[in-house]
Amino acid sequence: MRMACLFVALCVGSLLVGARQMEWSQVVLLSGDTWLTLTASRLPRMAALILTGVGLAVCGVILQHIVRNRFVEPGTSGGLDAAKLGVLVSLTLMPAMGKFSQMLFALGFCFVTSLLYVAVIRRIQFRNTALVPVIGLMYGSVLSAVAEFYAYQQNILQSMQGWLMGDFSRVVQGQYEVIYLILPIAVLAYLYAHRFTVLGMGEDMATSLGLGYAATATLGLLLVAITVSVTVITVGAIYFVGLVVPNLVVLHYGDNLKHTLPLVAVGGAALLLACDIVGRLLIFPFEVPIGLTAGFIGGAIFLVLILRGEKQ
């Protein structure tokens, strides 16, 4: 109940915060500049924030069950960097492509690199679980370096750095609708929640319980790749949401995805809404890109979780 109340309050706050003051008489009459601001900018932005938060949080929990490590998310497994590289390739090879075609390029790059990452992790047995995200960060750094070198060669490095940083200020009606693909992804993830829970027990246990391990893991990676590519195409790269929210939910509610996945989704949406409101108020009437606020707030929360874990 508290989570629902917080979520509703953050949604209202997202609609109210902005450089332009809301004149509610125009909203009631469904006319005027205020109504246009609400329908063309504020509501699309709030919808994009909610869907992005839901998608990234669900992606994080799926990846964590596939790799069996709590420190993994799209940002620590190379997924976001692979999607950025795919977007750059599509922009330079076929600049006239629309958002959906760019998303397919990003999807292909993200899915292939995710398969490679999982294959590497499965072949190497780690005694220290911290090495799993470390390898993912190294992998992502290599992909990011390739992307930046490619952008430098194409003379679009500066525009790439600005465009791919997480930012919702560009979200307006007619420019964000591809992000609604996250809705069926979230529903499918919930329908397969029990299988992903079994997947997190390991290949031997999952196989003994009759689960098709390879097929389920491939489906999970495909869902992650679609969500990441849609997010990067629409608002850029955002880190820590898929890392912080699933760990918070696990600490308080356990590891059964059938019960916790809705909480993970709402928590991801609430975190992004809060980060966006903070970014819009810090230097009002201007705003700080959400990629910075989410990185700072998410990193601080995760650091607190690590310190609390060491004390316990």
C-alpha atoms as a PDB file:
ATOM      1  CA  MET A   1       0.000   0.000   0.000  1.00  0.00           C
ATOM      2  CA  ARG A   2       2.826   2.402   0.896  1.00  0.00           C
ATOM      3  CA  MET A   3       4.555   1.654  -2.396  1.00  0.00           C
ATOM      4  CA  ALA A   4       1.331   2.372  -4.301  1.00  0.00           C
ATOM      5  CA  CYS A   5       0.802   5.670  -2.465  1.00  0.00           C
ATOM      6  CA  LEU A   6       4.394   6.711  -3.124  1.00  0.00           C
ATOM      7  CA  PHE A   7       4.047   5.814  -6.790  1.00  0.00           C
ATOM      8  CA  VAL A   8       0.855   7.862  -7.177  1.00  0.00           C
ATOM      9  CA  ALA A   9       2.432  10.834  -5.377  1.00  0.00           C
ATOM     10  CA  LEU A  10       5.467  10.702  -7.676  1.00  0.00           C
ATOM     11  CA  CYS A  11       3.213  10.572 -10.752  1.00  0.00           C
ATOM     12  CA  VAL A  12       1.360  13.683  -9.580  1.00  0.00           C
ATOM     13  CA  GLY A  13       4.667  15.384  -8.835  1.00  0.00           C
ATOM     14  CA  SER A  14       5.966  14.545 -12.296  1.00  0.00           C
ATOM     15  CA  LEU A  15       2.921  16.209 -13.869  1.00  0.00           C
ATOM     16  CA  LEU A  16       3.183  19.323 -11.694  1.00  0.00           C
ATOM     17  CA  VAL A  17       6.925  19.994 -11.896  1.00  0.00           C
ATOM     18  CA  GLY A  18       8.046  22.011 -14.902  1.00  0.00           C
ATOM     19  CA  ALA A  19       9.074  25.416 -16.160  1.00  0.00           C
ATOM     20  CA  ARG A  20       5.485  26.223 -17.101  1.00  0.00           C
ATOM     21  CA  GLN A  21       2.886  26.579 -14.359  1.00  0.00           C
ATOM     22  CA  MET A  22      -0.294  24.578 -14.777  1.00  0.00           C
ATOM     23  CA  GLU A  23      -3.548  26.515 -15.107  1.00  0.00           C
ATOM     24  CA  TRP A  24      -6.125  23.971 -14.033  1.00  0.00           C
ATOM     25  CA  SER A  25      -9.050  25.887 -15.490  1.00  0.00           C
ATOM     26  CA  GLN A  26      -7.644  25.175 -18.964  1.00  0.00           C
ATOM     27  CA  VAL A  27      -7.097  21.528 -18.046  1.00  0.00           C
ATOM     28  CA  VAL A  28     -10.733  21.183 -16.953  1.00  0.00           C
ATOM     29  CA  LEU A  29     -11.912  22.808 -20.189  1.00  0.00           C
ATOM     30  CA  LEU A  30      -9.593  20.577 -22.249  1.00  0.00           C
ATOM     31  CA  SER A  31      -8.226  23.574 -24.106  1.00  0.00           C
ATOM     32  CA  GLY A  32      -5.493  26.211 -24.050  1.00  0.00           C
ATOM     33  CA  ASP A  33      -1.725  26.088 -23.773  1.00  0.00           C
ATOM     34  CA  THR A  34      -1.817  24.266 -20.436  1.00  0.00           C
ATOM     35  CA  TRP A  35      -3.853  21.399 -21.891  1.00  0.00           C
ATOM     36  CA  LEU A  36      -1.417  21.193 -24.811  1.00  0.00           C
ATOM     37  CA  THR A  37       1.545  21.142 -22.421  1.00  0.00           C
ATOM     38  CA  LEU A  38      -0.076  18.383 -20.389  1.00  0.00           C
ATOM     39  CA  THR A  39      -1.015  16.118 -23.306  1.00  0.00           C
ATOM     40  CA  ALA A  40       1.949  16.745 -25.610  1.00  0.00           C
ATOM     41  CA  SER A  41       4.746  16.856 -23.028  1.00  0.00           C
ATOM     42  CA  ARG A  42       3.975  16.078 -19.372  1.00  0.00           C
ATOM     43  CA  LEU A  43       1.862  12.930 -19.858  1.00  0.00           C
ATOM     44  CA  PRO A  44       4.167  11.416 -22.525  1.00  0.00           C
ATOM     45  CA  ARG A  45       7.149  12.128 -20.285  1.00  0.00           C
ATOM     46  CA  MET A  46       5.507  10.481 -17.286  1.00  0.00           C
ATOM     47  CA  ALA A  47       4.521   7.454 -19.385  1.00  0.00           C
ATOM     48  CA  ALA A  48       8.074   7.143 -20.727  1.00  0.00           C
ATOM     49  CA  LEU A  49       9.509   7.394 -17.207  1.00  0.00           C
ATOM     50  CA  ILE A  50       7.202   4.680 -15.878  1.00  0.00           C
ATOM     51  CA  LEU A  51       7.781   2.298 -18.769  1.00  0.00           C
ATOM     52  CA  THR A  52      11.546   2.826 -18.753  1.00  0.00           C
ATOM     53  CA  GLY A  53      11.735   2.232 -15.015  1.00  0.00           C
ATOM     54  CA  VAL A  54       9.605  -0.905 -15.286  1.00  0.00           C
ATOM     55  CA  GLY A  55      11.623  -2.230 -18.212  1.00  0.00           C
ATOM     56  CA  LEU A  56      15.078  -1.628 -16.721  1.00  0.00           C
ATOM     57  CA  ALA A  57      14.132  -3.073 -13.332  1.00  0.00           C
ATOM     58  CA  VAL A  58      12.603  -6.198 -14.906  1.00  0.00           C
ATOM     59  CA  CYS A  59      15.664  -6.558 -17.162  1.00  0.00           C
ATOM     60  CA  GLY A  60      17.922  -6.425 -14.141  1.00  0.00           C
ATOM     61  CA  VAL A  61      16.105  -9.159 -12.262  1.00  0.00           C
ATOM     62  CA  ILE A  62      15.979 -11.432 -15.344  1.00  0.00           C
ATOM     63  CA  LEU A  63      19.719 -11.038 -15.962  1.00  0.00           C
ATOM     64  CA  GLN A  64      20.480 -11.693 -12.306  1.00  0.00           C
ATOM     65  CA  HIS A  65      18.623 -15.011 -12.454  1.00  0.00           C
ATOM     66  CA  ILE A  66      20.251 -16.057 -15.718  1.00  0.00           C
ATOM     67  CA  VAL A  67      23.789 -15.296 -14.518  1.00  0.00           C
ATOM     68  CA  ARG A  68      22.980 -16.126 -10.862  1.00  0.00           C
ATOM     69  CA  ASN A  69      24.619 -12.971  -9.579  1.00  0.00           C
ATOM     70  CA  ARG A  70      23.017 -10.013  -7.776  1.00  0.00           C
ATOM     71  CA  PHE A  71      25.472  -7.456  -9.168  1.00  0.00           C
ATOM     72  CA  VAL A  72      24.439  -7.803 -12.812  1.00  0.00           C
ATOM     73  CA  GLU A  73      22.209  -5.489 -14.838  1.00  0.00           C
ATOM     74  CA  PRO A  74      22.277  -4.223 -18.467  1.00  0.00           C
ATOM     75  CA  GLY A  75      24.830  -1.581 -17.465  1.00  0.00           C
ATOM     76  CA  THR A  76      27.221  -4.119 -15.907  1.00  0.00           C
ATOM     77  CA  SER A  77      26.936  -6.768 -18.618  1.00  0.00           C
ATOM     78  CA  GLY A  78      27.651  -4.684 -21.727  1.00  0.00           C
ATOM     79  CA  GLY A  79      24.013  -4.519 -22.863  1.00  0.00           C
ATOM     80  CA  LEU A  80      23.672  -0.735 -22.849  1.00  0.00           C
ATOM     81  CA  ASP A  81      27.017  -0.234 -24.582  1.00  0.00           C
ATOM     82  CA  ALA A  82      26.129  -2.797 -27.250  1.00  0.00           C
ATOM     83  CA  ALA A  83      22.812  -1.043 -27.900  1.00  0.00           C
ATOM     84  CA  LYS A  84      24.623   2.297 -28.266  1.00  0.00           C
ATOM     85  CA  LEU A  85      26.990   0.736 -30.794  1.00  0.00           C
ATOM     86  CA  GLY A  86      24.053  -0.665 -32.750  1.00  0.00           C
ATOM     87  CA  VAL A  87      22.375   2.747 -32.849  1.00  0.00           C
ATOM     88  CA  LEU A  88      25.578   4.385 -34.120  1.00  0.00           C
ATOM     89  CA  VAL A  89      26.013   1.810 -36.864  1.00  0.00           C
ATOM     90  CA  SER A  90      22.418   2.267 -38.012  1.00  0.00           C
ATOM     91  CA  LEU A  91      22.759   6.071 -38.020  1.00  0.00           C
ATOM     92  CA  THR A  92      25.884   6.033 -40.170  1.00  0.00           C
ATOM     93  CA  LEU A  93      25.033   3.224 -42.570  1.00  0.00           C
ATOM     94  CA  MET A  94      21.378   4.147 -43.113  1.00  0.00           C
ATOM     95  CA  PRO A  95      20.722   7.659 -41.740  1.00  0.00           C
ATOM     96  CA  ALA A  96      17.206   7.767 -43.193  1.00  0.00           C
ATOM     97  CA  MET A  97      16.057   4.859 -41.026  1.00  0.00           C
ATOM     98  CA  GLY A  98      13.229   5.418 -38.568  1.00  0.00           C
ATOM     99  CA  LYS A  99      13.233   4.665 -34.856  1.00  0.00           C
ATOM    100  CA  PHE A 100      11.902   1.136 -35.316  1.00  0.00           C
ATOM    101  CA  SER A 101      14.672   0.179 -37.745  1.00  0.00           C
ATOM    102  CA  GLN A 102      17.292   1.702 -35.433  1.00  0.00           C
ATOM    103  CA  MET A 103      15.794  -0.313 -32.598  1.00  0.00           C
ATOM    104  CA  LEU A 104      16.232  -3.527 -34.612  1.00  0.00           C
ATOM    105  CA  PHE A 105      19.934  -2.736 -35.096  1.00  0.00           C
ATOM    106  CA  ALA A 106      20.337  -2.038 -31.377  1.00  0.00           C
ATOM    107  CA  LEU A 107      18.373  -5.208 -30.564  1.00  0.00           C
ATOM    108  CA  GLY A 108      20.647  -7.364 -32.718  1.00  0.00           C
ATOM    109  CA  PHE A 109      23.844  -5.974 -31.193  1.00  0.00           C
ATOM    110  CA  CYS A 110      22.504  -6.209 -27.643  1.00  0.00           C
ATOM    111  CA  PHE A 111      21.212  -9.778 -28.030  1.00  0.00           C
ATOM    112  CA  VAL A 112      24.420 -11.124 -29.574  1.00  0.00           C
ATOM    113  CA  THR A 113      26.668  -9.485 -26.994  1.00  0.00           C
ATOM    114  CA  SER A 114      24.430 -10.731 -24.161  1.00  0.00           C
ATOM    115  CA  LEU A 115      24.717 -14.286 -25.494  1.00  0.00           C
ATOM    116  CA  LEU A 116      28.505 -13.924 -25.597  1.00  0.00           C
ATOM    117  CA  TYR A 117      28.605 -12.559 -22.067  1.00  0.00           C
ATOM    118  CA  VAL A 118      26.510 -15.399 -20.655  1.00  0.00           C
ATOM    119  CA  ALA A 119      28.622 -17.940 -22.590  1.00  0.00           C
ATOM    120  CA  VAL A 120      31.817 -16.523 -21.071  1.00  0.00           C
ATOM    121  CA  ILE A 121      30.360 -16.550 -17.553  1.00  0.00           C
ATOM    122  CA  ARG A 122      29.174 -20.154 -17.956  1.00  0.00           C
ATOM    123  CA  ARG A 123      32.595 -21.345 -19.119  1.00  0.00           C
ATOM    124  CA  ILE A 124      34.485 -19.750 -16.233  1.00  0.00           C
ATOM    125  CA  GLN A 125      33.804 -20.914 -12.704  1.00  0.00           C
ATOM    126  CA  PHE A 126      34.152 -18.082 -10.152  1.00  0.00           C
ATOM    127  CA  ARG A 127      34.749 -18.424  -6.457  1.00  0.00           C
ATOM    128  CA  ASN A 128      34.364 -14.673  -6.030  1.00  0.00           C
ATOM    129  CA  THR A 129      30.942 -13.495  -7.250  1.00  0.00           C
ATOM    130  CA  ALA A 130      32.234  -9.929  -7.605  1.00  0.00           C
ATOM    131  CA  LEU A 131      34.234 -11.051 -10.647  1.00  0.00           C
ATOM    132  CA  VAL A 132      31.046 -11.582 -12.673  1.00  0.00           C
ATOM    133  CA  PRO A 133      30.077  -7.891 -12.890  1.00  0.00           C
ATOM    134  CA  VAL A 134      33.761  -6.920 -13.145  1.00  0.00           C
ATOM    135  CA  ILE A 135      34.050  -8.952 -16.333  1.00  0.00           C
ATOM    136  CA  GLY A 136      30.795  -7.395 -17.516  1.00  0.00           C
ATOM    137  CA  LEU A 137      32.164  -3.909 -16.873  1.00  0.00           C
ATOM    138  CA  MET A 138      35.346  -4.773 -18.776  1.00  0.00           C
ATOM    139  CA  TYR A 139      33.251  -6.173 -21.603  1.00  0.00           C
ATOM    140  CA  GLY A 140      31.095  -3.049 -21.654  1.00  0.00           C
ATOM    141  CA  SER A 141      34.179  -0.815 -21.613  1.00  0.00           C
ATOM    142  CA  VAL A 142      35.523  -2.546 -24.709  1.00  0.00           C
ATOM    143  CA  LEU A 143      32.182  -2.095 -26.494  1.00  0.00           C
ATOM    144  CA  SER A 144      31.995   1.535 -25.371  1.00  0.00           C
ATOM    145  CA  ALA A 145      35.520   2.166 -26.666  1.00  0.00           C
ATOM    146  CA  VAL A 146      34.608   0.619 -30.026  1.00  0.00           C
ATOM    147  CA  ALA A 147      31.486   2.805 -30.178  1.00  0.00           C
ATOM    148  CA  GLU A 148      33.412   5.982 -29.371  1.00  0.00           C
ATOM    149  CA  PHE A 149      36.141   5.172 -31.899  1.00  0.00           C
ATOM    150  CA  TYR A 150      33.509   4.491 -34.547  1.00  0.00           C
ATOM    151  CA  ALA A 151      31.749   7.766 -33.681  1.00  0.00           C
ATOM    152  CA  TYR A 152      35.094   9.594 -33.848  1.00  0.00           C
ATOM    153  CA  GLN A 153      35.757   8.199 -37.312  1.00  0.00           C
ATOM    154  CA  GLN A 154      32.311   9.310 -38.452  1.00  0.00           C
ATOM    155  CA  ASN A 155      32.761  12.754 -36.831  1.00  0.00           C
ATOM    156  CA  ILE A 156      29.692  12.347 -34.586  1.00  0.00           C
ATOM    157  CA  LEU A 157      31.437  11.788 -31.248  1.00  0.00           C
ATOM    158  CA  GLN A 158      30.187  14.971 -29.583  1.00  0.00           C
ATOM    159  CA  SER A 159      26.593  14.518 -30.683  1.00  0.00           C
ATOM    160  CA  MET A 160      26.712  10.844 -29.635  1.00  0.00           C
ATOM    161  CA  GLN A 161      27.784  11.713 -26.083  1.00  0.00           C
ATOM    162  CA  GLY A 162      24.925  14.186 -25.698  1.00  0.00           C
ATOM    163  CA  TRP A 163      22.263  12.133 -27.449  1.00  0.00           C
ATOM    164  CA  LEU A 164      22.923   8.831 -25.699  1.00  0.00           C
ATOM    165  CA  MET A 165      23.014  10.239 -22.158  1.00  0.00           C
ATOM    166  CA  GLY A 166      19.761   9.428 -20.374  1.00  0.00           C
ATOM    167  CA  ASP A 167      17.474  12.420 -20.856  1.00  0.00           C
ATOM    168  CA  PHE A 168      13.666  12.682 -20.921  1.00  0.00           C
ATOM    169  CA  SER A 169      13.507  16.318 -21.993  1.00  0.00           C
ATOM    170  CA  ARG A 170      13.204  15.201 -25.625  1.00  0.00           C
ATOM    171  CA  VAL A 171      10.150  13.046 -24.942  1.00  0.00           C
ATOM    172  CA  VAL A 172       7.108  14.605 -26.601  1.00  0.00           C
ATOM    173  CA  GLN A 173       4.016  13.288 -28.307  1.00  0.00           C
ATOM    174  CA  GLY A 174       4.914  11.522 -31.551  1.00  0.00           C
ATOM    175  CA  GLN A 175       8.556  10.870 -30.578  1.00  0.00           C
ATOM    176  CA  TYR A 176       8.380   8.240 -27.843  1.00  0.00           C
ATOM    177  CA  GLU A 177       5.634   5.750 -28.749  1.00  0.00           C
ATOM    178  CA  VAL A 178       8.055   2.917 -29.558  1.00  0.00           C
ATOM    179  CA  ILE A 179       8.674   2.628 -25.800  1.00  0.00           C
ATOM    180  CA  TYR A 180       5.217   1.054 -25.394  1.00  0.00           C
ATOM    181  CA  LEU A 181       6.850  -2.185 -26.574  1.00  0.00           C
ATOM    182  CA  ILE A 182       7.987  -2.534 -22.958  1.00  0.00           C
ATOM    183  CA  LEU A 183       4.381  -3.287 -21.901  1.00  0.00           C
ATOM    184  CA  PRO A 184       4.131  -6.722 -23.580  1.00  0.00           C
ATOM    185  CA  ILE A 185       7.704  -7.450 -22.473  1.00  0.00           C
ATOM    186  CA  ALA A 186       6.748  -6.858 -18.830  1.00  0.00           C
ATOM    187  CA  VAL A 187       3.626  -9.022 -19.189  1.00  0.00           C
ATOM    188  CA  LEU A 188       5.603 -11.851 -20.794  1.00  0.00           C
ATOM    189  CA  ALA A 189       8.241 -11.619 -18.070  1.00  0.00           C
ATOM    190  CA  TYR A 190       5.505 -12.010 -15.452  1.00  0.00           C
ATOM    191  CA  LEU A 191       4.000 -15.005 -17.251  1.00  0.00           C
ATOM    192  CA  TYR A 192       7.444 -16.665 -17.264  1.00  0.00           C
ATOM    193  CA  ALA A 193       8.314 -15.486 -13.741  1.00  0.00           C
ATOM    194  CA  HIS A 194       8.189 -18.985 -12.246  1.00  0.00           C
ATOM    195  CA  ARG A 195      10.510 -20.310 -14.966  1.00  0.00           C
ATOM    196  CA  PHE A 196      12.982 -17.497 -14.399  1.00  0.00           C
ATOM    197  CA  THR A 197      12.913 -18.282 -10.680  1.00  0.00           C
ATOM    198  CA  VAL A 198      13.783 -21.918 -11.403  1.00  0.00           C
ATOM    199  CA  LEU A 199      16.431 -20.705 -13.860  1.00  0.00           C
ATOM    200  CA  GLY A 200      18.167 -18.925 -10.995  1.00  0.00           C
ATOM    201  CA  MET A 201      18.671 -22.277  -9.212  1.00  0.00           C
ATOM    202  CA  GLY A 202      21.243 -23.368 -11.787  1.00  0.00           C
ATOM    203  CA  GLU A 203      21.240 -25.453 -14.935  1.00  0.00           C
ATOM    204  CA  ASP A 204      21.340 -28.854 -13.212  1.00  0.00           C
ATOM    205  CA  MET A 205      18.455 -28.089 -10.866  1.00  0.00           C
ATOM    206  CA  ALA A 206      16.400 -26.439 -13.617  1.00  0.00           C
ATOM    207  CA  THR A 207      16.904 -29.392 -15.956  1.00  0.00           C
ATOM    208  CA  SER A 208      15.986 -31.892 -13.248  1.00  0.00           C
ATOM    209  CA  LEU A 209      12.741 -29.971 -12.707  1.00  0.00           C
ATOM    210  CA  GLY A 210      11.890 -30.300 -16.416  1.00  0.00           C
ATOM    211  CA  LEU A 211      12.764 -26.763 -17.482  1.00  0.00           C
ATOM    212  CA  GLY A 212      14.309 -26.155 -20.909  1.00  0.00           C
ATOM    213  CA  TYR A 213      17.282 -24.190 -19.608  1.00  0.00           C
ATOM    214  CA  ALA A 214      18.730 -22.963 -22.917  1.00  0.00           C
ATOM    215  CA  ALA A 215      15.359 -21.937 -24.359  1.00  0.00           C
ATOM    216  CA  THR A 216      14.305 -20.076 -21.202  1.00  0.00           C
ATOM    217  CA  ALA A 217      17.656 -18.287 -20.896  1.00  0.00           C
ATOM    218  CA  THR A 218      17.508 -17.291 -24.572  1.00  0.00           C
ATOM    219  CA  LEU A 219      13.978 -15.940 -24.113  1.00  0.00           C
ATOM    220  CA  GLY A 220      15.117 -13.935 -21.088  1.00  0.00           C
ATOM    221  CA  LEU A 221      18.058 -12.450 -22.991  1.00  0.00           C
ATOM    222  CA  LEU A 222      15.763 -11.573 -25.891  1.00  0.00           C
ATOM    223  CA  LEU A 223      13.361  -9.748 -23.554  1.00  0.00           C
ATOM    224  CA  VAL A 224      16.300  -7.862 -22.055  1.00  0.00           C
ATOM    225  CA  ALA A 225      17.694  -6.958 -25.493  1.00  0.00           C
ATOM    226  CA  ILE A 226      14.347  -5.599 -26.723  1.00  0.00           C
ATOM    227  CA  THR A 227      13.850  -3.504 -23.583  1.00  0.00           C
ATOM    228  CA  VAL A 228      17.387  -2.104 -23.604  1.00  0.00           C
ATOM    229  CA  SER A 229      17.278  -1.239 -27.306  1.00  0.00           C
ATOM    230  CA  VAL A 230      13.906   0.512 -26.956  1.00  0.00           C
ATOM    231  CA  THR A 231      15.171   2.482 -23.954  1.00  0.00           C
ATOM    232  CA  VAL A 232      18.410   3.576 -25.616  1.00  0.00           C
ATOM    233  CA  ILE A 233      16.592   4.624 -28.788  1.00  0.00           C
ATOM    234  CA  THR A 234      14.017   6.680 -26.885  1.00  0.00           C
ATOM    235  CA  VAL A 235      15.842   8.268 -23.926  1.00  0.00           C
ATOM    236  CA  GLY A 236      19.469   7.079 -23.971  1.00  0.00           C
ATOM    237  CA  ALA A 237      21.412   4.994 -21.458  1.00  0.00           C
ATOM    238  CA  ILE A 238      20.364   4.887 -17.786  1.00  0.00           C
ATOM    239  CA  TYR A 239      22.330   2.921 -15.201  1.00  0.00           C
ATOM    240  CA  PHE A 240      21.736   1.403 -11.735  1.00  0.00           C
ATOM    241  CA  VAL A 241      17.923   1.020 -11.946  1.00  0.00           C
ATOM    242  CA  GLY A 242      18.161  -2.678 -12.799  1.00  0.00           C
ATOM    243  CA  LEU A 243      20.769  -3.159 -10.070  1.00  0.00           C
ATOM    244  CA  VAL A 244      19.338  -1.289  -7.084  1.00  0.00           C
ATOM    245  CA  VAL A 245      15.616  -2.063  -7.280  1.00  0.00           C
ATOM    246  CA  PRO A 246      15.812  -5.895  -7.543  1.00  0.00           C
ATOM    247  CA  ASN A 247      18.284  -6.030  -4.630  1.00  0.00           C
ATOM    248  CA  LEU A 248      16.029  -3.868  -2.449  1.00  0.00           C
ATOM    249  CA  VAL A 249      13.017  -6.049  -3.233  1.00  0.00           C
ATOM    250  CA  VAL A 250      14.919  -9.277  -2.554  1.00  0.00           C
ATOM    251  CA  LEU A 251      16.049  -7.998   0.847  1.00  0.00           C
ATOM    252  CA  HIS A 252      12.481  -7.334   1.981  1.00  0.00           C
ATOM    253  CA  TYR A 253      10.264  -9.765   0.023  1.00  0.00           C
ATOM    254  CA  GLY A 254      12.351 -12.744  -1.043  1.00  0.00           C
ATOM    255  CA  ASP A 255      13.298 -14.241  -4.395  1.00  0.00           C
ATOM    256  CA  ASN A 256      10.084 -15.693  -5.846  1.00  0.00           C
ATOM    257  CA  LEU A 257       9.557 -13.645  -9.020  1.00  0.00           C
ATOM    258  CA  LYS A 258       5.891 -14.564  -9.269  1.00  0.00           C
ATOM    259  CA  HIS A 259       5.326 -12.522  -6.108  1.00  0.00           C
ATOM    260  CA  THR A 260       8.074  -9.910  -6.340  1.00  0.00           C
ATOM    261  CA  LEU A 261       8.120  -8.982 -10.037  1.00  0.00           C
ATOM    262  CA  PRO A 262       5.215  -6.475  -9.708  1.00  0.00           C
ATOM    263  CA  LEU A 263       7.070  -4.840  -6.810  1.00  0.00           C
ATOM    264  CA  VAL A 264      10.255  -4.706  -8.876  1.00  0.00           C
ATOM    265  CA  ALA A 265       8.362  -3.051 -11.742  1.00  0.00           C
ATOM    266  CA  VAL A 266       6.671  -0.447  -9.529  1.00  0.00           C
ATOM    267  CA  GLY A 267       9.931   0.181  -7.667  1.00  0.00           C
ATOM    268  CA  GLY A 268      11.814   0.804 -10.914  1.00  0.00           C
ATOM    269  CA  ALA A 269       9.164   3.250 -12.101  1.00  0.00           C
ATOM    270  CA  ALA A 270       9.126   5.047  -8.730  1.00  0.00           C
ATOM    271  CA  LEU A 271      12.926   5.375  -8.675  1.00  0.00           C
ATOM    272  CA  LEU A 272      13.042   6.924 -12.137  1.00  0.00           C
ATOM    273  CA  LEU A 273      10.163   9.293 -11.345  1.00  0.00           C
ATOM    274  CA  ALA A 274      11.977  10.437  -8.199  1.00  0.00           C
ATOM    275  CA  CYS A 275      15.280  10.911 -10.057  1.00  0.00           C
ATOM    276  CA  ASP A 276      13.518  12.896 -12.773  1.00  0.00           C
ATOM    277  CA  ILE A 277      11.784  15.201 -10.283  1.00  0.00           C
ATOM    278  CA  VAL A 278      15.089  15.826  -8.489  1.00  0.00           C
ATOM    279  CA  GLY A 279      16.813  16.604 -11.794  1.00  0.00           C
ATOM    280  CA  ARG A 280      14.089  19.082 -12.770  1.00  0.00           C
ATOM    281  CA  LEU A 281      14.248  20.906  -9.419  1.00  0.00           C
ATOM    282  CA  LEU A 282      18.021  21.130  -8.873  1.00  0.00           C
ATOM    283  CA  ILE A 283      18.639  23.996 -11.310  1.00  0.00           C
ATOM    284  CA  PHE A 284      15.041  25.029 -11.981  1.00  0.00           C
ATOM    285  CA  PRO A 285      13.804  26.102 -14.539  1.00  0.00           C
ATOM    286  CA  PHE A 286      16.524  24.071 -16.305  1.00  0.00           C
ATOM    287  CA  GLU A 287      17.082  20.387 -15.640  1.00  0.00           C
ATOM    288  CA  VAL A 288      19.855  17.887 -15.014  1.00  0.00           C
ATOM    289  CA  PRO A 289      19.765  14.830 -17.344  1.00  0.00           C
ATOM    290  CA  ILE A 290      18.319  11.824 -15.585  1.00  0.00           C
ATOM    291  CA  GLY A 291      21.377   9.802 -16.549  1.00  0.00           C
ATOM    292  CA  LEU A 292      23.318  11.847 -13.976  1.00  0.00           C
ATOM    293  CA  THR A 293      20.705  11.892 -11.209  1.00  0.00           C
ATOM    294  CA  ALA A 294      19.916   8.175 -11.587  1.00  0.00           C
ATOM    295  CA  GLY A 295      23.622   7.351 -11.538  1.00  0.00           C
ATOM    296  CA  PHE A 296      24.202   9.400  -8.385  1.00  0.00           C
ATOM    297  CA  ILE A 297      21.096   8.317  -6.454  1.00  0.00           C
ATOM    298  CA  GLY A 298      21.265   4.693  -7.611  1.00  0.00           C
ATOM    299  CA  GLY A 299      24.979   4.455  -6.869  1.00  0.00           C
ATOM    300  CA  ALA A 300      24.486   5.948  -3.392  1.00  0.00           C
ATOM    301  CA  ILE A 301      21.678   3.493  -2.573  1.00  0.00           C
ATOM    302  CA  PHE A 302      23.723   0.541  -3.792  1.00  0.00           C
ATOM    303  CA  LEU A 303      26.737   1.667  -1.745  1.00  0.00           C
ATOM    304  CA  VAL A 304      24.533   1.797   1.355  1.00  0.00           C
ATOM    305  CA  LEU A 305      23.279  -1.732   0.622  1.00  0.00           C
ATOM    306  CA  ILE A 306      26.844  -3.021   0.310  1.00  0.00           C
ATOM    307  CA  LEU A 307      27.925  -1.371   3.577  1.00  0.00           C
ATOM    308  CA  ARG A 308      24.881  -2.707   5.411  1.00  0.00           C
ATOM    309  CA  GLY A 309      25.607  -6.174   4.067  1.00  0.00           C
ATOM    310  CA  GLU A 310      29.174  -6.047   5.351  1.00  0.00           C
ATOM    311  CA  LYS A 311      28.031  -4.975   8.822  1.00  0.00           C
ATOM    312  CA  GLN A 312      25.529  -7.830   8.987  1.00  0.00           C
END
